[in-house]
C-alpha atoms as a PDB file:
ATOM      1  CA  MET A   1     -13.351   3.234  32.548  1.00  0.00           C
ATOM      2  CA  LYS A   2     -14.356   5.313  29.544  1.00  0.00           C
ATOM      3  CA  ILE A   3     -11.273   7.145  28.304  1.00  0.00           C
ATOM      4  CA  TRP A   4     -11.450   9.632  25.445  1.00  0.00           C
ATOM      5  CA  ILE A   5      -8.387  11.136  23.789  1.00  0.00           C
ATOM      6  CA  ASP A   6      -8.491  14.574  22.181  1.00  0.00           C
ATOM      7  CA  VAL A   7      -6.055  15.136  19.287  1.00  0.00           C
ATOM      8  CA  ARG A   8      -7.985  17.565  17.058  1.00  0.00           C
ATOM      9  CA  ASN A   9      -4.868  19.601  16.130  1.00  0.00           C
ATOM     10  CA  PHE A  10      -2.105  17.381  17.502  1.00  0.00           C
ATOM     11  CA  TRP A  11      -3.019  14.607  15.031  1.00  0.00           C
ATOM     12  CA  ASN A  12      -1.719  16.517  12.010  1.00  0.00           C
ATOM     13  CA  ALA A  13       1.549  17.714  13.533  1.00  0.00           C
ATOM     14  CA  TYR A  14       2.591  14.591  15.457  1.00  0.00           C
ATOM     15  CA  ARG A  15       0.801  11.732  13.704  1.00  0.00           C
ATOM     16  CA  ASN A  16       3.583   9.138  14.054  1.00  0.00           C
ATOM     17  CA  PHE A  17       4.025   9.897  17.729  1.00  0.00           C
ATOM     18  CA  PHE A  18       0.321   9.600  18.406  1.00  0.00           C
ATOM     19  CA  ASN A  19      -0.154   6.375  16.435  1.00  0.00           C
ATOM     20  CA  GLU A  20       2.553   4.636  18.442  1.00  0.00           C
ATOM     21  CA  PHE A  21       1.271   6.179  21.667  1.00  0.00           C
ATOM     22  CA  LEU A  22      -2.258   4.932  20.969  1.00  0.00           C
ATOM     23  CA  GLU A  23      -1.197   1.401  20.046  1.00  0.00           C
ATOM     24  CA  LEU A  24       0.684   0.912  23.310  1.00  0.00           C
ATOM     25  CA  PHE A  25      -1.938   2.794  25.348  1.00  0.00           C
ATOM     26  CA  GLN A  26      -4.642   0.393  24.155  1.00  0.00           C
ATOM     27  CA  GLU A  27      -2.411  -2.564  24.885  1.00  0.00           C
ATOM     28  CA  LYS A  28      -1.818  -1.374  28.445  1.00  0.00           C
ATOM     29  CA  ASN A  29      -5.507  -0.506  29.050  1.00  0.00           C
ATOM     30  CA  LYS A  30      -7.329  -3.485  27.565  1.00  0.00           C
ATOM     31  CA  ASN A  31     -10.180  -3.297  30.062  1.00  0.00           C
ATOM     32  CA  ASP A  32     -10.989   0.339  29.300  1.00  0.00           C
ATOM     33  CA  PHE A  33     -13.135   1.770  26.530  1.00  0.00           C
ATOM     34  CA  ILE A  34     -10.948   4.104  24.483  1.00  0.00           C
ATOM     35  CA  ASN A  35     -12.080   6.466  21.755  1.00  0.00           C
ATOM     36  CA  ILE A  36     -10.514   9.325  19.829  1.00  0.00           C
ATOM     37  CA  TYR A  37     -11.558  12.879  19.019  1.00  0.00           C
ATOM     38  CA  LYS A  38      -9.552  13.513  15.879  1.00  0.00           C
ATOM     39  CA  ASN A  39     -11.563  16.034  13.850  1.00  0.00           C
ATOM     40  CA  LYS A  40     -12.164  19.720  14.393  1.00  0.00           C
ATOM     41  CA  TYR A  41     -15.797  20.627  14.968  1.00  0.00           C
ATOM     42  CA  SER A  42     -15.475  24.150  13.619  1.00  0.00           C
ATOM     43  CA  LYS A  43     -12.830  26.531  12.238  1.00  0.00           C
ATOM     44  CA  ASN A  44     -14.152  29.245  14.548  1.00  0.00           C
ATOM     45  CA  ILE A  45     -12.717  29.131  18.065  1.00  0.00           C
ATOM     46  CA  PHE A  46     -16.076  30.020  19.685  1.00  0.00           C
ATOM     47  CA  SER A  47     -18.093  27.507  17.680  1.00  0.00           C
ATOM     48  CA  GLU A  48     -15.518  24.850  18.447  1.00  0.00           C
ATOM     49  CA  GLN A  49     -15.993  25.518  22.155  1.00  0.00           C
ATOM     50  CA  VAL A  50     -19.757  25.101  21.963  1.00  0.00           C
ATOM     51  CA  ILE A  51     -20.055  22.205  19.510  1.00  0.00           C
ATOM     52  CA  PHE A  52     -17.239  20.184  21.031  1.00  0.00           C
ATOM     53  CA  LEU A  53     -18.641  20.765  24.523  1.00  0.00           C
ATOM     54  CA  GLN A  54     -21.969  19.324  23.414  1.00  0.00           C
ATOM     55  CA  LYS A  55     -20.173  16.260  22.078  1.00  0.00           C
ATOM     56  CA  LEU A  56     -18.226  15.796  25.322  1.00  0.00           C
ATOM     57  CA  LEU A  57     -21.347  16.078  27.476  1.00  0.00           C
ATOM     58  CA  GLN A  58     -23.196  13.642  25.272  1.00  0.00           C
ATOM     59  CA  ASP A  59     -20.411  11.047  25.490  1.00  0.00           C
ATOM     60  CA  LYS A  60     -20.151  11.155  29.311  1.00  0.00           C
ATOM     61  CA  ASN A  61     -16.450  10.352  29.590  1.00  0.00           C
ATOM     62  CA  ASP A  62     -14.839   9.207  32.816  1.00  0.00           C
ATOM     63  CA  ILE A  63     -11.633  10.941  31.826  1.00  0.00           C
ATOM     64  CA  LEU A  64     -10.438  13.015  28.890  1.00  0.00           C
ATOM     65  CA  ILE A  65      -6.775  12.992  27.858  1.00  0.00           C
ATOM     66  CA  SER A  66      -6.250  16.074  25.746  1.00  0.00           C
ATOM     67  CA  PHE A  67      -3.213  16.910  23.618  1.00  0.00           C
ATOM     68  CA  GLU A  68      -4.818  20.289  22.934  1.00  0.00           C
ATOM     69  CA  GLN A  69      -4.601  23.645  24.709  1.00  0.00           C
ATOM     70  CA  THR A  70      -8.194  24.663  23.991  1.00  0.00           C
ATOM     71  CA  PHE A  71     -10.712  22.108  25.156  1.00  0.00           C
ATOM     72  CA  PRO A  72     -14.084  23.687  26.229  1.00  0.00           C
ATOM     73  CA  ILE A  73     -13.703  25.870  29.311  1.00  0.00           C
ATOM     74  CA  PHE A  74     -17.128  24.876  30.665  1.00  0.00           C
ATOM     75  CA  TYR A  75     -16.332  21.164  30.632  1.00  0.00           C
ATOM     76  CA  LYS A  76     -16.154  20.077  34.296  1.00  0.00           C
ATOM     77  CA  SER A  77     -15.219  16.391  34.174  1.00  0.00           C
ATOM     78  CA  ARG A  78     -11.699  15.083  34.761  1.00  0.00           C
ATOM     79  CA  VAL A  79      -9.180  16.273  32.160  1.00  0.00           C
ATOM     80  CA  ILE A  80      -5.489  15.414  31.821  1.00  0.00           C
ATOM     81  CA  GLN A  81      -3.875  17.934  29.482  1.00  0.00           C
ATOM     82  CA  ILE A  82      -0.663  17.093  27.653  1.00  0.00           C
ATOM     83  CA  ILE A  83       1.163  20.199  26.447  1.00  0.00           C
ATOM     84  CA  PRO A  84       3.982  19.321  24.004  1.00  0.00           C
ATOM     85  CA  THR A  85       4.908  22.962  23.345  1.00  0.00           C
ATOM     86  CA  LEU A  86       3.927  26.596  23.867  1.00  0.00           C
ATOM     87  CA  GLU A  87       5.239  27.515  20.441  1.00  0.00           C
ATOM     88  CA  ASN A  88       1.891  28.844  19.206  1.00  0.00           C
ATOM     89  CA  ILE A  89       1.745  31.231  22.189  1.00  0.00           C
ATOM     90  CA  LEU A  90       5.362  32.409  22.251  1.00  0.00           C
ATOM     91  CA  PHE A  91       5.777  32.477  18.450  1.00  0.00           C
ATOM     92  CA  PRO A  92       2.242  32.893  17.070  1.00  0.00           C
ATOM     93  CA  ASP A  93       1.329  32.778  13.422  1.00  0.00           C
ATOM     94  CA  LEU A  94       1.009  36.324  12.064  1.00  0.00           C
ATOM     95  CA  SER A  95      -2.643  35.663  11.215  1.00  0.00           C
ATOM     96  CA  HIS A  96      -3.316  35.102  14.939  1.00  0.00           C
ATOM     97  CA  THR A  97      -1.715  38.275  16.249  1.00  0.00           C
ATOM     98  CA  LYS A  98      -4.701  40.594  15.826  1.00  0.00           C
ATOM     99  CA  PHE A  99      -5.747  41.931  19.214  1.00  0.00           C
ATOM    100  CA  PHE A 100      -9.177  40.272  19.545  1.00  0.00           C
ATOM    101  CA  LYS A 101      -8.155  36.890  18.175  1.00  0.00           C
ATOM    102  CA  LYS A 102      -4.919  36.818  20.171  1.00  0.00           C
ATOM    103  CA  TYR A 103      -6.448  37.613  23.557  1.00  0.00           C
ATOM    104  CA  THR A 104      -9.499  35.460  23.018  1.00  0.00           C
ATOM    105  CA  SER A 105      -7.249  32.511  22.316  1.00  0.00           C
ATOM    106  CA  LEU A 106      -5.082  33.246  25.371  1.00  0.00           C
ATOM    107  CA  PHE A 107      -8.163  33.548  27.579  1.00  0.00           C
ATOM    108  CA  ILE A 108      -9.451  30.146  26.473  1.00  0.00           C
ATOM    109  CA  ILE A 109      -6.042  28.490  26.835  1.00  0.00           C
ATOM    110  CA  LYS A 110      -5.475  29.872  30.347  1.00  0.00           C
ATOM    111  CA  ASN A 111      -8.928  28.868  31.536  1.00  0.00           C
ATOM    112  CA  SER A 112      -8.661  25.417  30.005  1.00  0.00           C
ATOM    113  CA  LEU A 113      -5.359  24.792  31.733  1.00  0.00           C
ATOM    114  CA  LYS A 114      -6.504  26.112  35.098  1.00  0.00           C
ATOM    115  CA  LYS A 115      -9.566  23.870  35.068  1.00  0.00           C
ATOM    116  CA  SER A 116      -7.698  20.716  34.085  1.00  0.00           C
ATOM    117  CA  HIS A 117      -7.072  18.015  36.692  1.00  0.00           C
ATOM    118  CA  LYS A 118      -3.409  17.597  35.716  1.00  0.00           C
ATOM    119  CA  ILE A 119      -1.082  19.123  33.116  1.00  0.00           C
ATOM    120  CA  ILE A 120       1.708  17.087  31.572  1.00  0.00           C
ATOM    121  CA  CYS A 121       4.556  18.755  29.736  1.00  0.00           C
ATOM    122  CA  PHE A 122       7.687  17.295  28.174  1.00  0.00           C
ATOM    123  CA  ASN A 123      10.385  19.242  30.038  1.00  0.00           C
ATOM    124  CA  THR A 124      10.956  21.706  32.859  1.00  0.00           C
ATOM    125  CA  GLN A 125      11.215  24.628  30.428  1.00  0.00           C
ATOM    126  CA  THR A 126       7.546  24.246  29.468  1.00  0.00           C
ATOM    127  CA  LYS A 127       6.600  23.842  33.116  1.00  0.00           C
ATOM    128  CA  ASN A 128       8.325  27.122  33.950  1.00  0.00           C
ATOM    129  CA  GLU A 129       6.721  28.866  30.964  1.00  0.00           C
ATOM    130  CA  LEU A 130       3.269  27.701  32.029  1.00  0.00           C
ATOM    131  CA  ASN A 131       3.877  29.028  35.507  1.00  0.00           C
ATOM    132  CA  GLU A 132       5.502  32.338  34.563  1.00  0.00           C
ATOM    133  CA  LYS A 133       3.586  33.306  31.429  1.00  0.00           C
ATOM    134  CA  LEU A 134       0.147  31.793  32.075  1.00  0.00           C
ATOM    135  CA  ASN A 135       0.164  31.793  35.882  1.00  0.00           C
ATOM    136  CA  ILE A 136      -0.550  28.053  36.160  1.00  0.00           C
ATOM    137  CA  SER A 137       0.212  26.513  39.551  1.00  0.00           C
ATOM    138  CA  GLU A 138       3.378  24.369  39.585  1.00  0.00           C
ATOM    139  CA  GLU A 139       1.595  21.790  41.750  1.00  0.00           C
ATOM    140  CA  LYS A 140      -0.726  20.998  38.850  1.00  0.00           C
ATOM    141  CA  ILE A 141       2.089  20.378  36.360  1.00  0.00           C
ATOM    142  CA  GLU A 142       3.993  17.110  35.874  1.00  0.00           C
ATOM    143  CA  VAL A 143       7.017  16.618  33.634  1.00  0.00           C
ATOM    144  CA  ILE A 144       7.156  13.361  31.665  1.00  0.00           C
ATOM    145  CA  SER A 145       9.756  12.810  28.956  1.00  0.00           C
ATOM    146  CA  PRO A 146       8.189  11.766  25.635  1.00  0.00           C
ATOM    147  CA  PHE A 147       9.646   9.370  23.069  1.00  0.00           C
ATOM    148  CA  PHE A 148      10.908   9.427  19.506  1.00  0.00           C
ATOM    149  CA  PRO A 149       8.608   7.346  17.260  1.00  0.00           C
ATOM    150  CA  SER A 150      10.143   4.773  14.927  1.00  0.00           C
ATOM    151  CA  SER A 151      10.883   5.444  11.251  1.00  0.00           C
ATOM    152  CA  PRO A 152      10.302   3.023   8.331  1.00  0.00           C
ATOM    153  CA  GLU A 153      13.305   1.435   6.652  1.00  0.00           C
ATOM    154  CA  ILE A 154      12.329  -0.329   3.437  1.00  0.00           C
ATOM    155  CA  SER A 155      14.828  -1.885   1.070  1.00  0.00           C
ATOM    156  CA  SER A 156      15.449   0.280  -1.995  1.00  0.00           C
ATOM    157  CA  LYS A 157      18.343   1.201  -4.285  1.00  0.00           C
ATOM    158  CA  ILE A 158      17.383   4.683  -5.435  1.00  0.00           C
ATOM    159  CA  ASP A 159      20.192   7.219  -5.693  1.00  0.00           C
ATOM    160  CA  ILE A 160      18.775  10.474  -4.341  1.00  0.00           C
ATOM    161  CA  LYS A 161      21.432  12.728  -5.892  1.00  0.00           C
ATOM    162  CA  THR A 162      20.777  11.209  -9.318  1.00  0.00           C
ATOM    163  CA  LYS A 163      17.013  11.443  -8.860  1.00  0.00           C
ATOM    164  CA  HIS A 164      17.194  15.197  -8.210  1.00  0.00           C
ATOM    165  CA  CYS A 165      20.198  15.876 -10.488  1.00  0.00           C
ATOM    166  CA  LEU A 166      22.286  17.166  -7.592  1.00  0.00           C
ATOM    167  CA  THR A 167      25.869  18.168  -8.280  1.00  0.00           C
ATOM    168  CA  TRP A 168      27.092  18.311  -4.683  1.00  0.00           C
ATOM    169  CA  ASP A 169      26.483  16.623  -1.349  1.00  0.00           C
ATOM    170  CA  TYR A 170      23.253  17.656   0.311  1.00  0.00           C
ATOM    171  CA  ILE A 171      21.948  18.482   3.759  1.00  0.00           C
ATOM    172  CA  ILE A 172      18.356  17.979   4.933  1.00  0.00           C
ATOM    173  CA  TYR A 173      15.973  20.431   6.561  1.00  0.00           C
ATOM    174  CA  ASP A 174      12.857  18.599   7.736  1.00  0.00           C
ATOM    175  CA  SER A 175      11.283  20.831  10.369  1.00  0.00           C
ATOM    176  CA  GLU A 176       8.133  22.930  10.142  1.00  0.00           C
ATOM    177  CA  THR A 177       7.698  26.554   9.141  1.00  0.00           C
ATOM    178  CA  GLY A 178       7.095  29.317  11.669  1.00  0.00           C
ATOM    179  CA  ASN A 179       8.553  32.392  13.316  1.00  0.00           C
ATOM    180  CA  ASN A 180      10.845  30.323  15.547  1.00  0.00           C
ATOM    181  CA  LYS A 181      12.239  28.028  12.834  1.00  0.00           C
ATOM    182  CA  ASN A 182      14.973  30.474  11.798  1.00  0.00           C
ATOM    183  CA  ILE A 183      14.891  29.427   8.142  1.00  0.00           C
ATOM    184  CA  LYS A 184      16.032  32.770   6.728  1.00  0.00           C
ATOM    185  CA  ARG A 185      19.154  32.966   8.875  1.00  0.00           C
ATOM    186  CA  PHE A 186      19.977  29.347   7.994  1.00  0.00           C
ATOM    187  CA  LEU A 187      19.637  30.084   4.261  1.00  0.00           C
ATOM    188  CA  GLU A 188      21.822  33.181   4.564  1.00  0.00           C
ATOM    189  CA  ALA A 189      24.490  31.037   6.231  1.00  0.00           C
ATOM    190  CA  VAL A 190      24.285  28.539   3.371  1.00  0.00           C
ATOM    191  CA  VAL A 191      24.902  31.373   0.889  1.00  0.00           C
ATOM    192  CA  GLU A 192      28.062  32.293   2.805  1.00  0.00           C
ATOM    193  CA  THR A 193      29.120  28.629   2.999  1.00  0.00           C
ATOM    194  CA  ASN A 194      28.699  28.166  -0.753  1.00  0.00           C
ATOM    195  CA  LYS A 195      31.373  30.819  -1.354  1.00  0.00           C
ATOM    196  CA  GLU A 196      33.860  28.259  -0.034  1.00  0.00           C
ATOM    197  CA  ILE A 197      32.295  24.789  -0.355  1.00  0.00           C
ATOM    198  CA  LYS A 198      29.248  23.984  -2.489  1.00  0.00           C
ATOM    199  CA  LEU A 199      26.207  22.334  -0.898  1.00  0.00           C
ATOM    200  CA  ASN A 200      22.678  21.369  -1.901  1.00  0.00           C
ATOM    201  CA  ILE A 201      19.677  21.573   0.425  1.00  0.00           C
ATOM    202  CA  ILE A 202      16.707  19.204   0.436  1.00  0.00           C
ATOM    203  CA  PHE A 203      13.551  20.376   2.195  1.00  0.00           C
ATOM    204  CA  ILE A 204      11.251  17.537   3.237  1.00  0.00           C
ATOM    205  CA  TRP A 205       7.484  17.616   3.969  1.00  0.00           C
ATOM    206  CA  ASN A 206       4.572  19.464   2.416  1.00  0.00           C
ATOM    207  CA  LYS A 207       4.286  22.424   4.765  1.00  0.00           C
ATOM    208  CA  ILE A 208       7.727  23.816   3.968  1.00  0.00           C
ATOM    209  CA  ALA A 209       7.226  23.091   0.259  1.00  0.00           C
ATOM    210  CA  ASN A 210       3.997  25.110   0.311  1.00  0.00           C
ATOM    211  CA  ASP A 211       5.507  28.055   2.172  1.00  0.00           C
ATOM    212  CA  ILE A 212       5.554  30.965  -0.290  1.00  0.00           C
ATOM    213  CA  GLU A 213       7.715  33.166   1.939  1.00  0.00           C
ATOM    214  CA  THR A 214      10.497  30.565   2.076  1.00  0.00           C
ATOM    215  CA  ARG A 215      10.381  30.021  -1.677  1.00  0.00           C
ATOM    216  CA  GLU A 216      10.581  33.760  -2.344  1.00  0.00           C
ATOM    217  CA  PHE A 217      13.553  34.106   0.004  1.00  0.00           C
ATOM    218  CA  ILE A 218      15.343  31.252  -1.772  1.00  0.00           C
ATOM    219  CA  ILE A 219      14.850  33.054  -5.084  1.00  0.00           C
ATOM    220  CA  LYS A 220      16.095  36.314  -3.562  1.00  0.00           C
ATOM    221  CA  LEU A 221      19.298  34.600  -2.396  1.00  0.00           C
ATOM    222  CA  TRP A 222      19.868  32.891  -5.758  1.00  0.00           C
ATOM    223  CA  LEU A 223      19.623  29.446  -4.138  1.00  0.00           C
ATOM    224  CA  THR A 224      16.983  28.003  -6.467  1.00  0.00           C
ATOM    225  CA  GLU A 225      19.370  25.680  -8.315  1.00  0.00           C
ATOM    226  CA  LYS A 226      20.861  24.468  -5.038  1.00  0.00           C
ATOM    227  CA  THR A 227      17.508  23.723  -3.378  1.00  0.00           C
ATOM    228  CA  VAL A 228      15.095  20.773  -3.717  1.00  0.00           C
ATOM    229  CA  PHE A 229      11.600  20.481  -2.235  1.00  0.00           C
ATOM    230  CA  ALA A 230      11.027  16.747  -1.814  1.00  0.00           C
ATOM    231  CA  TRP A 231       7.455  17.066  -0.448  1.00  0.00           C
ATOM    232  CA  VAL A 232       6.560  13.753   1.287  1.00  0.00           C
ATOM    233  CA  PRO A 233       8.843  10.980   0.006  1.00  0.00           C
ATOM    234  CA  ALA A 234       7.473   7.456  -0.320  1.00  0.00           C
ATOM    235  CA  ASP A 235       8.371   5.150   2.587  1.00  0.00           C
ATOM    236  CA  ASN A 236      10.767   3.144   0.421  1.00  0.00           C
ATOM    237  CA  GLU A 237      12.645   6.368  -0.392  1.00  0.00           C
ATOM    238  CA  LEU A 238      12.381   8.330   2.855  1.00  0.00           C
ATOM    239  CA  TRP A 239      15.179   6.564   4.714  1.00  0.00           C
ATOM    240  CA  LEU A 240      17.448   6.906   1.680  1.00  0.00           C
ATOM    241  CA  TYR A 241      17.066  10.690   1.737  1.00  0.00           C
ATOM    242  CA  TYR A 242      18.566  10.606   5.222  1.00  0.00           C
ATOM    243  CA  LYS A 243      21.125   7.838   4.698  1.00  0.00           C
ATOM    244  CA  GLN A 244      22.581   9.558   1.624  1.00  0.00           C
ATOM    245  CA  SER A 245      22.622  13.028   3.189  1.00  0.00           C
ATOM    246  CA  ILE A 246      25.733  14.298   4.942  1.00  0.00           C
ATOM    247  CA  TRP A 247      23.648  15.531   7.882  1.00  0.00           C
ATOM    248  CA  VAL A 248      20.360  17.024   9.055  1.00  0.00           C
ATOM    249  CA  ILE A 249      20.293  20.656  10.159  1.00  0.00           C
ATOM    250  CA  TYR A 250      17.988  22.045  12.864  1.00  0.00           C
ATOM    251  CA  PRO A 251      18.350  25.846  13.179  1.00  0.00           C
ATOM    252  CA  THR A 252      15.337  26.593  15.429  1.00  0.00           C
ATOM    253  CA  ILE A 253      15.516  29.356  18.043  1.00  0.00           C
ATOM    254  CA  TYR A 254      12.908  27.705  20.298  1.00  0.00           C
ATOM    255  CA  ASP A 255      11.897  24.118  20.988  1.00  0.00           C
ATOM    256  CA  ASN A 256      10.548  21.952  23.788  1.00  0.00           C
ATOM    257  CA  PHE A 257      11.263  18.508  22.390  1.00  0.00           C
ATOM    258  CA  PRO A 258      12.881  17.971  18.962  1.00  0.00           C
ATOM    259  CA  PHE A 259      10.354  15.653  17.303  1.00  0.00           C
ATOM    260  CA  SER A 260      11.615  16.958  13.952  1.00  0.00           C
ATOM    261  CA  LEU A 261      14.879  15.095  14.519  1.00  0.00           C
ATOM    262  CA  ASN A 262      13.062  11.773  14.804  1.00  0.00           C
ATOM    263  CA  ASN A 263      14.127  10.422  11.404  1.00  0.00           C
ATOM    264  CA  ALA A 264      17.717  11.602  11.794  1.00  0.00           C
ATOM    265  CA  ILE A 265      17.914   9.750  15.116  1.00  0.00           C
ATOM    266  CA  ASN A 266      16.343   6.526  13.861  1.00  0.00           C
ATOM    267  CA  TYR A 267      18.564   6.481  10.767  1.00  0.00           C
ATOM    268  CA  ASN A 268      21.722   7.497  12.701  1.00  0.00           C
ATOM    269  CA  VAL A 269      22.371  10.581  10.572  1.00  0.00           C
ATOM    270  CA  PRO A 270      24.748  13.284  11.865  1.00  0.00           C
ATOM    271  CA  ILE A 271      22.881  16.305  13.254  1.00  0.00           C
ATOM    272  CA  ILE A 272      23.893  19.949  13.414  1.00  0.00           C
ATOM    273  CA  SER A 273      21.570  21.944  15.638  1.00  0.00           C
ATOM    274  CA  SER A 274      20.930  25.199  17.444  1.00  0.00           C
ATOM    275  CA  ASP A 275      22.602  25.271  20.825  1.00  0.00           C
ATOM    276  CA  LEU A 276      19.529  25.219  23.059  1.00  0.00           C
ATOM    277  CA  ASP A 277      19.481  23.726  26.557  1.00  0.00           C
ATOM    278  CA  GLU A 278      16.454  21.574  25.682  1.00  0.00           C
ATOM    279  CA  ILE A 279      18.352  19.964  22.797  1.00  0.00           C
ATOM    280  CA  ARG A 280      21.769  19.745  24.477  1.00  0.00           C
ATOM    281  CA  ASN A 281      20.205  18.007  27.498  1.00  0.00           C
ATOM    282  CA  ILE A 282      19.059  15.210  25.175  1.00  0.00           C
ATOM    283  CA  PHE A 283      22.042  14.833  22.832  1.00  0.00           C
ATOM    284  CA  TRP A 284      25.028  16.186  24.770  1.00  0.00           C
ATOM    285  CA  ASP A 285      28.149  15.563  22.654  1.00  0.00           C
ATOM    286  CA  LYS A 286      26.485  13.280  20.098  1.00  0.00           C
ATOM    287  CA  ILE A 287      25.654  16.168  17.763  1.00  0.00           C
ATOM    288  CA  ASN A 288      27.210  19.507  16.778  1.00  0.00           C
ATOM    289  CA  TYR A 289      25.883  22.914  17.788  1.00  0.00           C
ATOM    290  CA  PHE A 290      25.853  26.516  16.588  1.00  0.00           C
ATOM    291  CA  SER A 291      24.375  29.769  17.828  1.00  0.00           C
ATOM    292  CA  PRO A 292      20.989  30.104  16.094  1.00  0.00           C
ATOM    293  CA  ILE A 293      21.187  33.906  16.115  1.00  0.00           C
ATOM    294  CA  SER A 294      24.555  34.094  14.350  1.00  0.00           C
ATOM    295  CA  ILE A 295      24.979  33.542  10.603  1.00  0.00           C
ATOM    296  CA  ILE A 296      28.740  33.391  11.172  1.00  0.00           C
ATOM    297  CA  SER A 297      28.341  30.641  13.787  1.00  0.00           C
ATOM    298  CA  ILE A 298      26.093  28.562  11.523  1.00  0.00           C
ATOM    299  CA  LYS A 299      28.497  28.942   8.598  1.00  0.00           C
ATOM    300  CA  LYS A 300      31.538  28.127  10.760  1.00  0.00           C
ATOM    301  CA  GLU A 301      29.935  24.922  12.088  1.00  0.00           C
ATOM    302  CA  ILE A 302      28.832  23.820   8.612  1.00  0.00           C
ATOM    303  CA  LEU A 303      32.370  24.254   7.247  1.00  0.00           C
ATOM    304  CA  TRP A 304      33.890  22.510  10.269  1.00  0.00           C
ATOM    305  CA  LEU A 305      31.548  19.534   9.900  1.00  0.00           C
ATOM    306  CA  LEU A 306      32.281  19.142   6.217  1.00  0.00           C
ATOM    307  CA  LYS A 307      35.888  18.397   7.142  1.00  0.00           C
ATOM    308  CA  ARG A 308      35.145  16.128  10.133  1.00  0.00           C
ATOM    309  CA  GLN A 309      32.265  13.757   9.517  1.00  0.00           C
ATOM    310  CA  LYS A 310      30.812  11.801  12.437  1.00  0.00           C
ATOM    311  CA  ASN A 311      29.277   8.320  12.510  1.00  0.00           C
ATOM    312  CA  PRO A 312      26.704   8.756  15.283  1.00  0.00           C
ATOM    313  CA  ASN A 313      24.770   6.136  17.180  1.00  0.00           C
ATOM    314  CA  TYR A 314      21.641   7.257  18.993  1.00  0.00           C
ATOM    315  CA  LYS A 315      20.554   3.909  20.495  1.00  0.00           C
ATOM    316  CA  ASP A 316      20.984   5.084  24.084  1.00  0.00           C
ATOM    317  CA  ILE A 317      18.792   8.143  23.377  1.00  0.00           C
ATOM    318  CA  LEU A 318      16.037   5.992  21.862  1.00  0.00           C
ATOM    319  CA  LYS A 319      16.303   3.710  24.896  1.00  0.00           C
ATOM    320  CA  LYS A 320      16.128   6.576  27.384  1.00  0.00           C
ATOM    321  CA  TYR A 321      13.188   8.293  25.668  1.00  0.00           C
ATOM    322  CA  SER A 322      11.047   5.173  25.326  1.00  0.00           C
ATOM    323  CA  LYS A 323       7.344   4.573  24.753  1.00  0.00           C
ATOM    324  CA  ASP A 324       7.029   2.293  27.775  1.00  0.00           C
ATOM    325  CA  SER A 325       8.497   4.845  30.128  1.00  0.00           C
ATOM    326  CA  PHE A 326       6.208   7.615  28.839  1.00  0.00           C
ATOM    327  CA  LEU A 327       3.071   5.452  28.890  1.00  0.00           C
ATOM    328  CA  ASP A 328       3.731   3.954  32.315  1.00  0.00           C
ATOM    329  CA  SER A 329       4.184   7.429  33.841  1.00  0.00           C
ATOM    330  CA  LEU A 330       1.037   8.712  32.165  1.00  0.00           C
ATOM    331  CA  ILE A 331      -1.107   5.732  33.169  1.00  0.00           C
ATOM    332  CA  PHE A 332       0.084   6.070  36.766  1.00  0.00           C
ATOM    333  CA  LEU A 333      -1.339   9.619  36.822  1.00  0.00           C
ATOM    334  CA  ILE A 334      -4.614   8.543  35.228  1.00  0.00           C
ATOM    335  CA  LYS A 335      -5.293   5.665  37.548  1.00  0.00           C
END
């Protein structure tokens, strides 16, 4: 069988997940020819439809596994679509909210999904959203729990607080930017917290470091001296950022599966998170929760945690959300 995997946008956002997925997928499908579509063919949504379609027709795949919402709508061969999130539809980037661009994108997404052979999503919430908001038949949708990829742990003796000249203990924010990430409300809660107990914040990854709006808001709140942008730490330092933090905070107001908490889970770092059903159903009482729409609730939980530190162990979560389970379920649908 000739299997092609489409990760033109997914590759950048979930690289670690995909690399581990691909390694095990190849191992479990040794008799199949597997290739990857990893590059965009055009920045224009229409051109991408045409040029990528030509490539697909030329390659004559037996099956296409797509992690994208916008594969060509005129492609008629067998497609399994994996939909990790509807975040870009429910909380679109402001640059994509203009009438023509917004509805063109929605039209392509809806038609792509309706023409797919099967749709795989990571929880029942996404399944319901696909049905209610995009009118996709429930019979076409399967729910398969994904997995948390591993994180590197390389021996090193760097002191992170000394490296960044931090005066106080620090918390980590390592999620993306976007309308649903709730960064402003989180920062306002930190301002209130610092009136009672001082804290530093370390932001990890390039996207948040490059976000001008977040930087301007930090300046507005007089948090510049309390904030560090660590960009992408080297592998021999990454795990130390987490190990030496007091916890990781996740203030999002919408999520399907918390891939952003991957490092915190692998390094057994305490987590304080928005109280969302999708997150509570994974972690239950292993982490602490706050209302993501309440600055008072975020502040209260931060202050409470500072007095009562946990020593979590997430082994049972990593075992439950395993690569083998995800791959076996997916391969069963393909075959």
